[in-house]
Amino acid sequence: MEINNSDYKILIVDDVKANVMLLKALVKKNDFQIIEAYDGKQALEMFEEHKPNLILLDIMMPILDGYQVLEKIRTGDVNPDVSIILITALDNKEEVVKGFSAGANDYISKPFNNKELEARVRHQISLIAAKHEIEQKTKDLISAIKNRDKLYSVIAHDLRSPLSSVKMILNLLVSELKNCDINKDLYELLDESNRTTENLFILLDNLLKWTKNQIGKLHLTIQKIDIVGITHGLIDLYSLMTQGKNIKINVISDTESIEITSDTDIFKTIIRNLMSNAIKFSYSGSKINIYIKEKENSVEICVEDFGCGISPEKQALILADKE
């Protein structure tokens, strides 16, 4: 990663002017922008005005010492994550620990080694540059994901209308031609096309809802709904598919009406997916049972079919997201 030092500002804070000049000479030769402050109060003013990337902060100062300046920066609203290297004449481990506990990123003791100081400054700047690069790449990735989701939404929306028309036509043909004198193989092909279109429509509808949710355009209407009545109503949507495979769907519940608080469209989407999947994998001439049972603080819905099922090994893979 290439770093342009001239893009970075360093605030040097020390109440001794000679120390500031020395630090400035060492740091400036690396082309960093330099800001100076000679006490804690001025340091905070320069910090808010110039928003430096790194602060070289002396601890022992009048008015406000380095710890107080550090605390005010870390608890403030102006770039509280700025990198700070404490400069201390104290060769005291407790003071060093105190500095790190207060939020310092690094420290160096006086009298410091010039090369060591330069190395520590370069290290902090490289960390800052890496953080900025990660943040920018994260923003770019989020933007790309949003654009992708918007594209999916447009595609799903534009395909939904023509596919809906095809679905209606196929439904009508299958229904009208069922008892007509038509080639059996041709009718079975038409019936299979109808089922495939139904599944494709459900898949497209799921994609549309998912993309709307991703881009924040899925508006829910939360209200009390009768899930037993809704489930019975959805069975009619799949009458052609169930008749084609001679499958009977039964809704089994303790009462004729069970209310929950939910969004009607989302609930219908969930049940439609469960029904469609059960019909798809059920053997011809079998049945599908939908059990709706009230629990103490919830409602349990179980869909039972008599198809090929899923082996225990495959079930483990589904839950582990392996395939």
Protein backbone atom coordinates (compact mmCIF):
# COMPACT_ATOMS: atom_id res chain seq x y z
CA MET A 1 0.00 0.00 0.00
CA GLU A 2 1.51 3.31 -1.11
CA ILE A 3 1.29 6.13 1.46
CA ASN A 4 1.62 9.81 0.58
CA ASN A 5 2.94 11.38 3.80
CA SER A 6 1.94 14.89 2.73
CA ASP A 7 -1.72 13.85 3.06
CA TYR A 8 -1.36 13.37 6.82
CA LYS A 9 -1.38 15.98 9.59
CA ILE A 10 0.57 15.57 12.83
CA LEU A 11 -0.13 17.72 15.89
CA ILE A 12 2.91 18.16 18.18
CA VAL A 13 2.07 19.17 21.76
CA ASP A 14 4.74 20.15 24.31
CA ASP A 15 5.08 23.11 26.68
CA VAL A 16 8.82 23.34 25.94
CA LYS A 17 9.40 25.08 22.62
CA ALA A 18 12.78 23.43 22.08
CA ASN A 19 11.14 20.00 22.28
CA VAL A 20 8.50 21.05 19.75
CA MET A 21 11.20 22.30 17.36
CA LEU A 22 13.15 19.04 17.70
CA LEU A 23 10.09 16.88 17.09
CA LYS A 24 9.05 19.09 14.19
CA ALA A 25 12.47 18.76 12.55
CA LEU A 26 12.42 14.97 12.87
CA VAL A 27 8.87 14.56 11.57
CA LYS A 28 8.84 17.26 8.89
CA LYS A 29 11.66 15.67 6.91
CA ASN A 30 9.19 12.89 6.09
CA ASP A 31 6.88 15.47 4.43
CA PHE A 32 4.07 15.30 7.01
CA GLN A 33 1.98 18.42 7.64
CA ILE A 34 2.89 19.81 11.08
CA ILE A 35 0.69 21.65 13.60
CA GLU A 36 2.10 22.99 16.88
CA ALA A 37 0.61 23.52 20.35
CA TYR A 38 2.35 24.58 23.57
CA ASP A 39 -0.16 23.61 26.25
CA GLY A 40 -3.17 21.34 26.71
CA LYS A 41 -5.77 24.04 26.08
CA GLN A 42 -4.15 25.11 22.83
CA ALA A 43 -3.78 21.45 21.84
CA LEU A 44 -7.56 20.95 22.04
CA GLU A 45 -8.15 24.11 20.01
CA MET A 46 -5.70 23.01 17.29
CA PHE A 47 -7.17 19.52 17.33
CA GLU A 48 -10.71 20.77 16.66
CA GLU A 49 -9.56 23.28 14.03
CA HIS A 50 -7.14 21.14 12.01
CA LYS A 51 -8.37 17.57 12.73
CA PRO A 52 -4.92 15.91 12.66
CA ASN A 53 -4.40 12.23 11.89
CA LEU A 54 -1.78 11.74 14.62
CA ILE A 55 -0.91 13.55 17.86
CA LEU A 56 2.49 13.52 19.59
CA LEU A 57 1.37 14.45 23.09
CA ASP A 58 3.61 15.36 26.02
CA ILE A 59 2.27 14.26 29.41
CA MET A 60 3.80 16.78 31.82
CA MET A 61 2.24 20.16 30.92
CA PRO A 62 0.61 23.05 32.82
CA ILE A 63 -3.12 23.93 32.67
CA LEU A 64 -4.10 20.56 31.18
CA ASP A 65 -1.68 17.63 31.28
CA GLY A 66 -1.45 14.98 28.58
CA TYR A 67 -3.83 12.59 30.34
CA GLN A 68 -6.53 15.27 30.59
CA VAL A 69 -6.13 16.19 26.92
CA LEU A 70 -6.28 12.50 25.99
CA GLU A 71 -9.45 11.99 28.02
CA LYS A 72 -11.19 15.02 26.48
CA ILE A 73 -10.34 13.85 22.96
CA ARG A 74 -11.48 10.28 23.55
CA THR A 75 -14.80 11.40 25.06
CA GLY A 76 -15.40 14.18 22.52
CA ASP A 77 -17.26 14.24 19.21
CA VAL A 78 -14.38 15.37 16.95
CA ASN A 79 -12.48 12.32 15.68
CA PRO A 80 -12.28 10.49 19.04
CA ASP A 81 -10.37 7.63 17.33
CA VAL A 82 -7.37 9.81 16.33
CA SER A 83 -4.02 8.07 16.89
CA ILE A 84 -2.07 9.42 19.88
CA ILE A 85 1.56 8.77 20.88
CA LEU A 86 2.35 9.88 24.44
CA ILE A 87 5.77 11.45 25.05
CA THR A 88 6.90 11.17 28.64
CA ALA A 89 9.98 11.78 30.73
CA LEU A 90 8.63 9.27 33.21
CA ASP A 91 10.23 5.85 33.03
CA ASN A 92 7.39 4.48 35.09
CA LYS A 93 5.43 1.40 34.01
CA GLU A 94 2.37 2.48 35.99
CA GLU A 95 2.25 5.77 34.10
CA VAL A 96 2.59 3.89 30.80
CA VAL A 97 -0.30 1.60 31.77
CA LYS A 98 -2.32 4.66 32.79
CA GLY A 99 -1.71 6.16 29.35
CA PHE A 100 -2.82 3.03 27.51
CA SER A 101 -5.87 2.72 29.77
CA ALA A 102 -6.80 6.31 28.90
CA GLY A 103 -6.68 5.45 25.19
CA ALA A 104 -3.13 6.10 23.97
CA ASN A 105 -2.05 4.12 20.90
CA ASP A 106 1.66 4.15 21.73
CA TYR A 107 4.27 5.95 23.85
CA ILE A 108 7.91 6.94 23.77
CA SER A 109 10.12 8.06 26.66
CA LYS A 110 12.44 11.07 26.77
CA PRO A 111 15.19 11.29 25.81
CA PHE A 112 13.94 9.42 22.75
CA ASN A 113 15.90 7.79 19.98
CA ASN A 114 15.32 9.63 16.71
CA LYS A 115 15.01 6.48 14.60
CA GLU A 116 12.67 4.89 17.13
CA LEU A 117 10.42 7.96 17.07
CA GLU A 118 10.33 7.98 13.27
CA ALA A 119 9.53 4.26 13.22
CA ARG A 120 6.67 4.67 15.70
CA VAL A 121 5.24 7.60 13.73
CA ARG A 122 5.44 5.68 10.44
CA HIS A 123 3.81 2.66 12.08
CA GLN A 124 0.83 4.70 13.31
CA ILE A 125 0.45 6.42 9.93
CA SER A 126 0.50 3.04 8.16
CA LEU A 127 -2.26 1.80 10.50
CA ILE A 128 -4.30 4.94 9.80
CA ALA A 129 -3.82 4.51 6.04
CA ALA A 130 -4.83 0.85 6.24
CA LYS A 131 -7.95 1.76 8.23
CA HIS A 132 -8.90 4.41 5.66
CA GLU A 133 -8.41 1.91 2.83
CA ILE A 134 -10.60 -0.67 4.59
CA GLU A 135 -13.29 1.95 5.24
CA GLN A 136 -13.26 3.04 1.59
CA LYS A 137 -13.40 -0.54 0.32
CA THR A 138 -16.28 -1.21 2.72
CA LYS A 139 -18.17 1.81 1.36
CA ASP A 140 -17.50 0.66 -2.21
CA LEU A 141 -18.71 -2.85 -1.37
CA ILE A 142 -21.88 -1.55 0.31
CA SER A 143 -22.56 0.64 -2.72
CA ALA A 144 -22.01 -2.30 -5.09
CA ILE A 145 -24.36 -4.49 -3.04
CA LYS A 146 -27.05 -1.79 -3.04
CA ASN A 147 -26.72 -1.38 -6.82
CA ARG A 148 -26.93 -5.15 -7.26
CA ASP A 149 -30.04 -5.38 -5.10
CA LYS A 150 -31.67 -2.51 -7.01
CA LEU A 151 -30.90 -4.32 -10.27
CA TYR A 152 -32.42 -7.54 -8.93
CA SER A 153 -35.50 -5.59 -7.87
CA VAL A 154 -35.94 -4.02 -11.31
CA ILE A 155 -35.44 -7.36 -13.08
CA ALA A 156 -37.87 -9.18 -10.77
CA HIS A 157 -40.46 -6.41 -11.07
CA ASP A 158 -40.23 -6.24 -14.88
CA LEU A 159 -40.45 -10.03 -15.26
CA ARG A 160 -43.31 -10.49 -12.80
CA SER A 161 -46.03 -8.97 -15.00
CA PRO A 162 -45.38 -10.95 -18.22
CA LEU A 163 -44.77 -14.15 -16.25
CA SER A 164 -48.06 -13.62 -14.44
CA SER A 165 -49.83 -13.41 -17.82
CA VAL A 166 -48.17 -16.63 -18.99
CA LYS A 167 -49.17 -18.33 -15.74
CA MET A 168 -52.81 -17.29 -16.14
CA ILE A 169 -52.91 -18.51 -19.75
CA LEU A 170 -51.40 -21.88 -18.83
CA ASN A 171 -53.79 -22.23 -15.89
CA LEU A 172 -56.71 -21.55 -18.21
CA LEU A 173 -55.48 -24.01 -20.86
CA VAL A 174 -54.89 -26.80 -18.35
CA SER A 175 -58.31 -26.24 -16.80
CA GLU A 176 -60.25 -25.99 -20.09
CA LEU A 177 -58.47 -28.85 -21.87
CA LYS A 178 -58.57 -31.31 -19.00
CA ASN A 179 -61.69 -33.12 -20.19
CA CYS A 180 -61.20 -32.45 -23.91
CA ASP A 181 -60.14 -34.92 -26.54
CA ILE A 182 -56.45 -34.02 -26.65
CA ASN A 183 -53.28 -36.03 -27.00
CA LYS A 184 -52.37 -37.33 -23.52
CA ASP A 185 -48.64 -36.67 -23.89
CA LEU A 186 -49.32 -33.16 -25.11
CA TYR A 187 -51.63 -32.46 -22.15
CA GLU A 188 -49.05 -33.79 -19.68
CA LEU A 189 -46.44 -31.53 -21.27
CA LEU A 190 -48.81 -28.58 -20.91
CA ASP A 191 -49.52 -29.51 -17.29
CA GLU A 192 -45.80 -29.78 -16.51
CA SER A 193 -45.23 -26.38 -18.12
CA ASN A 194 -47.95 -24.96 -15.90
CA ARG A 195 -46.37 -26.37 -12.73
CA THR A 196 -42.93 -25.12 -13.75
CA THR A 197 -44.34 -21.65 -14.39
CA GLU A 198 -46.04 -21.67 -10.98
CA ASN A 199 -42.74 -22.53 -9.30
CA LEU A 200 -40.90 -19.90 -11.31
CA PHE A 201 -43.49 -17.28 -10.36
CA ILE A 202 -43.07 -18.12 -6.66
CA LEU A 203 -39.29 -17.92 -7.01
CA LEU A 204 -39.56 -14.54 -8.73
CA ASP A 205 -41.99 -13.26 -6.10
CA ASN A 206 -39.57 -14.32 -3.35
CA LEU A 207 -36.72 -12.54 -5.13
CA LEU A 208 -38.78 -9.37 -5.44
CA LYS A 209 -39.66 -9.36 -1.74
CA TRP A 210 -36.07 -10.12 -0.75
CA THR A 211 -34.63 -7.28 -2.85
CA LYS A 212 -37.25 -4.84 -1.55
CA ASN A 213 -36.26 -5.81 1.97
CA GLN A 214 -32.55 -5.36 1.15
CA ILE A 215 -33.03 -1.84 -0.23
CA GLY A 216 -35.48 -0.82 2.48
CA LYS A 217 -38.59 -0.68 0.30
CA LEU A 218 -40.51 -3.58 1.81
CA HIS A 219 -43.36 -1.93 3.69
CA LEU A 220 -45.08 -4.18 6.23
CA THR A 221 -48.65 -3.78 7.44
CA ILE A 222 -48.76 -5.43 10.84
CA GLN A 223 -52.28 -6.40 11.87
CA LYS A 224 -54.33 -9.26 13.31
CA ILE A 225 -54.92 -11.96 10.69
CA ASP A 226 -56.78 -15.29 10.70
CA ILE A 227 -54.13 -17.78 9.61
CA VAL A 228 -56.52 -20.73 9.37
CA GLY A 229 -58.77 -18.87 6.94
CA ILE A 230 -55.82 -17.59 4.92
CA THR A 231 -54.32 -21.08 4.67
CA HIS A 232 -57.62 -22.53 3.42
CA GLY A 233 -57.79 -19.75 0.83
CA LEU A 234 -54.29 -20.47 -0.45
CA ILE A 235 -55.17 -24.10 -1.20
CA ASP A 236 -57.32 -22.92 -4.12
CA LEU A 237 -54.28 -21.31 -5.75
CA TYR A 238 -52.73 -24.73 -6.19
CA SER A 239 -55.85 -26.61 -7.25
CA LEU A 240 -54.54 -27.29 -10.76
CA MET A 241 -51.20 -28.54 -9.44
CA THR A 242 -52.81 -30.78 -6.82
CA GLN A 243 -55.40 -32.10 -9.28
CA GLY A 244 -52.65 -32.89 -11.80
CA LYS A 245 -50.88 -35.09 -9.22
CA ASN A 246 -54.09 -36.22 -7.49
CA ILE A 247 -52.91 -34.74 -4.17
CA LYS A 248 -55.24 -33.66 -1.38
CA ILE A 249 -54.29 -30.85 1.02
CA ASN A 250 -55.80 -30.96 4.51
CA VAL A 251 -55.76 -28.10 7.02
CA ILE A 252 -55.93 -29.50 10.54
CA SER A 253 -56.47 -27.11 13.46
CA ASP A 254 -58.13 -27.17 16.87
CA THR A 255 -60.38 -24.22 16.01
CA GLU A 256 -61.83 -22.70 12.85
CA SER A 257 -60.03 -19.41 13.44
CA ILE A 258 -56.61 -18.60 14.95
CA GLU A 259 -55.38 -15.03 14.97
CA ILE A 260 -51.80 -13.81 15.00
CA THR A 261 -50.25 -10.37 14.54
CA SER A 262 -48.33 -10.29 11.27
CA ASP A 263 -48.12 -8.92 7.74
CA THR A 264 -50.63 -10.71 5.49
CA ASP A 265 -48.44 -10.77 2.36
CA ILE A 266 -45.39 -12.09 4.20
CA PHE A 267 -47.44 -14.81 5.89
CA LYS A 268 -48.97 -15.83 2.55
CA THR A 269 -45.52 -15.96 0.96
CA ILE A 270 -44.25 -18.31 3.67
CA ILE A 271 -47.24 -20.67 3.42
CA ARG A 272 -47.17 -20.59 -0.40
CA ASN A 273 -43.53 -21.64 -0.38
CA LEU A 274 -44.22 -24.48 2.04
CA MET A 275 -47.23 -25.65 0.01
CA SER A 276 -45.42 -25.41 -3.32
CA ASN A 277 -42.43 -27.34 -2.00
CA ALA A 278 -44.67 -30.04 -0.51
CA ILE A 279 -46.61 -30.44 -3.77
CA LYS A 280 -43.43 -30.54 -5.82
CA PHE A 281 -41.88 -33.38 -3.83
CA SER A 282 -45.01 -35.36 -2.96
CA TYR A 283 -45.81 -38.60 -4.72
CA SER A 284 -48.87 -38.66 -6.97
CA GLY A 285 -51.99 -39.83 -5.17
CA SER A 286 -50.68 -38.83 -1.73
CA LYS A 287 -51.75 -36.08 0.66
CA ILE A 288 -50.38 -33.02 2.43
CA ASN A 289 -51.37 -32.18 6.00
CA ILE A 290 -51.01 -28.65 7.36
CA TYR A 291 -51.25 -28.63 11.16
CA ILE A 292 -51.98 -25.31 12.88
CA LYS A 293 -51.75 -25.50 16.65
CA GLU A 294 -51.94 -22.81 19.32
CA LYS A 295 -49.17 -22.87 21.92
CA GLU A 296 -48.94 -20.86 25.15
CA ASN A 297 -47.39 -17.76 23.56
CA SER A 298 -47.14 -18.75 19.92
CA VAL A 299 -48.67 -20.68 17.04
CA GLU A 300 -47.04 -23.74 15.49
CA ILE A 301 -47.53 -24.55 11.80
CA CYS A 302 -46.31 -27.91 10.51
CA VAL A 303 -46.50 -29.02 6.88
CA GLU A 304 -46.39 -32.79 6.44
CA ASP A 305 -46.00 -34.41 3.03
CA PHE A 306 -45.47 -37.99 1.94
CA GLY A 307 -42.73 -37.56 -0.62
CA CYS A 308 -39.14 -38.72 -0.88
CA GLY A 309 -38.04 -36.74 2.18
CA ILE A 310 -34.53 -35.60 3.08
CA SER A 311 -31.95 -37.96 4.55
CA PRO A 312 -30.49 -37.11 8.01
CA GLU A 313 -27.14 -36.44 6.34
CA LYS A 314 -28.68 -33.89 3.96
CA GLN A 315 -30.64 -32.29 6.80
CA ALA A 316 -27.37 -31.67 8.65
CA LEU A 317 -25.90 -30.05 5.53
CA ILE A 318 -28.90 -27.74 5.17
CA LEU A 319 -28.60 -26.49 8.74
CA ALA A 320 -24.83 -26.15 8.42
CA ASP A 321 -25.13 -24.24 5.12
CA LYS A 322 -22.70 -26.66 3.44
CA GLU A 323 -24.52 -26.91 0.10
